[in-house]
Amino acid sequence: MNVSGYDLKPPYMPTYLELFAGELQKRSHDDQVHFFNAGLPGAKIDWGAAWVNEYVNGLSPDLVILDFGMNDFWSIPPEEFKGYMEEMIRKIKKANPKTEIILLSNMKFDPMYVLPNDPLVALFFESK
């Protein structure tokens, strides 16, 4: 989302995932690198955990990039997020033991997005 190519606007920049796949194909000298984006805009990590078998495992991937968090930090506590991430990894590894997995978070949290009266405000400012 918010990428000029996705929105069909100049300079028509591809998504970061398309750029990554293209560079992987180029550096590996392997024209059999195929890119599938199983993401759903607006989906949260619980959706990913529920649907990973149907959307990911059937492809028998060599590499999976799990990129969640941008829609989750508003409502899913960190420990619950961790549990869903571990569930997805378990399901992927069970179906495809040799699959490599990259965990990615492409957005840095900005505390200015949280109002002081937000009932989950403590989640965003806990120090561990």
Protein backbone atom coordinates (compact mmCIF):
# COMPACT_ATOMS: atom_id res chain seq x y z
CA MET A 1 0.00 0.00 0.00
CA ASN A 2 1.06 3.60 -0.53
CA VAL A 3 3.52 2.63 -3.25
CA SER A 4 3.41 4.59 -6.49
CA GLY A 5 3.34 1.48 -8.71
CA TYR A 6 0.55 -0.05 -6.64
CA ASP A 7 -1.41 3.18 -7.01
CA LEU A 8 -0.50 3.47 -10.73
CA LYS A 9 1.16 6.86 -10.23
CA PRO A 10 4.60 8.13 -11.29
CA PRO A 11 7.32 7.06 -10.74
CA TYR A 12 5.53 3.64 -10.68
CA MET A 13 7.82 2.19 -8.02
CA PRO A 14 7.26 -1.53 -7.33
CA THR A 15 6.49 -2.76 -3.82
CA TYR A 16 9.42 -3.58 -1.57
CA LEU A 17 8.54 -7.27 -1.90
CA GLU A 18 8.68 -7.11 -5.71
CA LEU A 19 12.04 -5.32 -5.45
CA PHE A 20 13.31 -7.99 -3.03
CA ALA A 21 12.17 -10.86 -5.27
CA GLY A 22 13.75 -9.25 -8.34
CA GLU A 23 17.06 -8.73 -6.56
CA LEU A 24 16.98 -12.29 -5.19
CA GLN A 25 16.44 -13.62 -8.71
CA LYS A 26 19.24 -11.42 -10.06
CA ARG A 27 21.80 -12.30 -7.36
CA SER A 28 21.00 -16.01 -7.39
CA HIS A 29 21.10 -16.17 -11.20
CA ASP A 30 17.93 -18.24 -10.94
CA ASP A 31 15.06 -17.39 -13.24
CA GLN A 32 12.91 -19.86 -11.30
CA VAL A 33 12.49 -17.44 -8.37
CA HIS A 34 8.75 -16.86 -8.12
CA PHE A 35 7.11 -14.28 -5.93
CA PHE A 36 3.69 -14.75 -4.34
CA ASN A 37 2.18 -12.17 -2.04
CA ALA A 38 -0.31 -13.89 0.23
CA GLY A 39 -0.91 -10.74 2.25
CA LEU A 40 -4.29 -9.13 2.70
CA PRO A 41 -4.28 -5.35 3.23
CA GLY A 42 -5.56 -4.56 6.70
CA ALA A 43 -5.19 -8.13 7.97
CA LYS A 44 -3.80 -8.79 11.42
CA ILE A 45 -1.52 -11.53 12.64
CA ASP A 46 -4.39 -13.69 13.91
CA TRP A 47 -5.65 -13.84 10.29
CA GLY A 48 -2.18 -14.94 9.18
CA ALA A 49 -2.09 -17.71 11.76
CA ALA A 50 -5.57 -18.89 10.78
CA TRP A 51 -4.87 -18.96 7.03
CA VAL A 52 -1.16 -19.79 6.70
CA ASN A 53 -1.87 -23.39 5.67
CA GLU A 54 -4.21 -22.38 2.86
CA TYR A 55 -2.30 -19.36 1.55
CA VAL A 56 1.33 -20.32 2.15
CA ASN A 57 1.91 -24.01 2.75
CA GLY A 58 0.22 -25.17 -0.43
CA LEU A 59 2.90 -23.33 -2.42
CA SER A 60 5.74 -25.37 -0.82
CA PRO A 61 7.91 -22.25 -0.53
CA ASP A 62 11.67 -22.18 -0.08
CA LEU A 63 11.44 -18.79 1.64
CA VAL A 64 8.62 -17.08 3.53
CA ILE A 65 8.67 -13.49 4.71
CA LEU A 66 6.36 -12.90 7.65
CA ASP A 67 5.64 -9.19 7.82
CA PHE A 68 3.07 -8.32 10.44
CA GLY A 69 2.73 -5.62 13.03
CA MET A 70 1.55 -2.50 11.26
CA ASN A 71 -2.11 -3.39 11.82
CA ASP A 72 -1.59 -5.29 15.06
CA PHE A 73 0.01 -2.92 17.50
CA TRP A 74 -3.27 -1.08 18.02
CA SER A 75 -5.08 -4.05 19.48
CA ILE A 76 -2.93 -7.14 19.99
CA PRO A 77 -0.72 -7.30 23.09
CA PRO A 78 2.93 -8.26 22.46
CA GLU A 79 2.71 -11.72 24.05
CA GLU A 80 -0.37 -12.57 21.98
CA PHE A 81 1.40 -11.28 18.85
CA LYS A 82 4.38 -13.49 19.68
CA GLY A 83 2.08 -16.51 20.10
CA TYR A 84 0.51 -16.01 16.68
CA MET A 85 3.93 -15.57 15.08
CA GLU A 86 5.17 -18.79 16.69
CA GLU A 87 2.01 -20.57 15.53
CA MET A 88 2.62 -19.51 11.92
CA ILE A 89 6.24 -20.61 12.07
CA ARG A 90 5.25 -24.00 13.51
CA LYS A 91 2.65 -24.54 10.78
CA ILE A 92 5.07 -23.55 8.01
CA LYS A 93 7.86 -25.76 9.34
CA LYS A 94 5.50 -28.71 9.85
CA ALA A 95 4.35 -28.59 6.23
CA ASN A 96 7.69 -27.51 4.73
CA PRO A 97 10.60 -28.32 7.08
CA LYS A 98 13.28 -26.86 4.79
CA THR A 99 11.53 -23.50 4.32
CA GLU A 100 13.57 -20.51 5.44
CA ILE A 101 11.67 -17.77 7.25
CA ILE A 102 12.42 -14.07 7.53
CA LEU A 103 10.60 -12.05 10.18
CA LEU A 104 10.12 -8.48 9.07
CA SER A 105 8.63 -5.39 10.61
CA ASN A 106 8.76 -2.51 8.20
CA MET A 107 7.23 0.16 10.36
CA LYS A 108 8.66 1.80 13.43
CA PHE A 109 6.18 2.58 16.17
CA ASP A 110 5.44 6.27 16.64
CA PRO A 111 4.10 7.02 20.15
CA MET A 112 2.39 10.13 18.80
CA TYR A 113 -0.27 7.80 17.35
CA VAL A 114 -1.47 6.75 20.79
CA LEU A 115 -3.83 8.98 22.70
CA PRO A 116 -3.33 9.19 26.47
CA ASN A 117 -6.87 7.90 27.08
CA ASP A 118 -6.42 4.82 24.85
CA PRO A 119 -7.23 1.77 27.03
CA LEU A 120 -4.17 -0.04 25.65
CA VAL A 121 -1.74 2.89 26.08
CA ALA A 122 0.35 0.94 28.62
CA LEU A 123 1.19 -1.68 25.96
CA PHE A 124 3.00 0.92 23.90
CA PHE A 125 5.14 2.36 26.65
CA GLU A 126 6.09 -0.68 28.74
CA SER A 127 9.82 -1.10 29.10
CA LYS A 128 11.21 -4.58 29.26
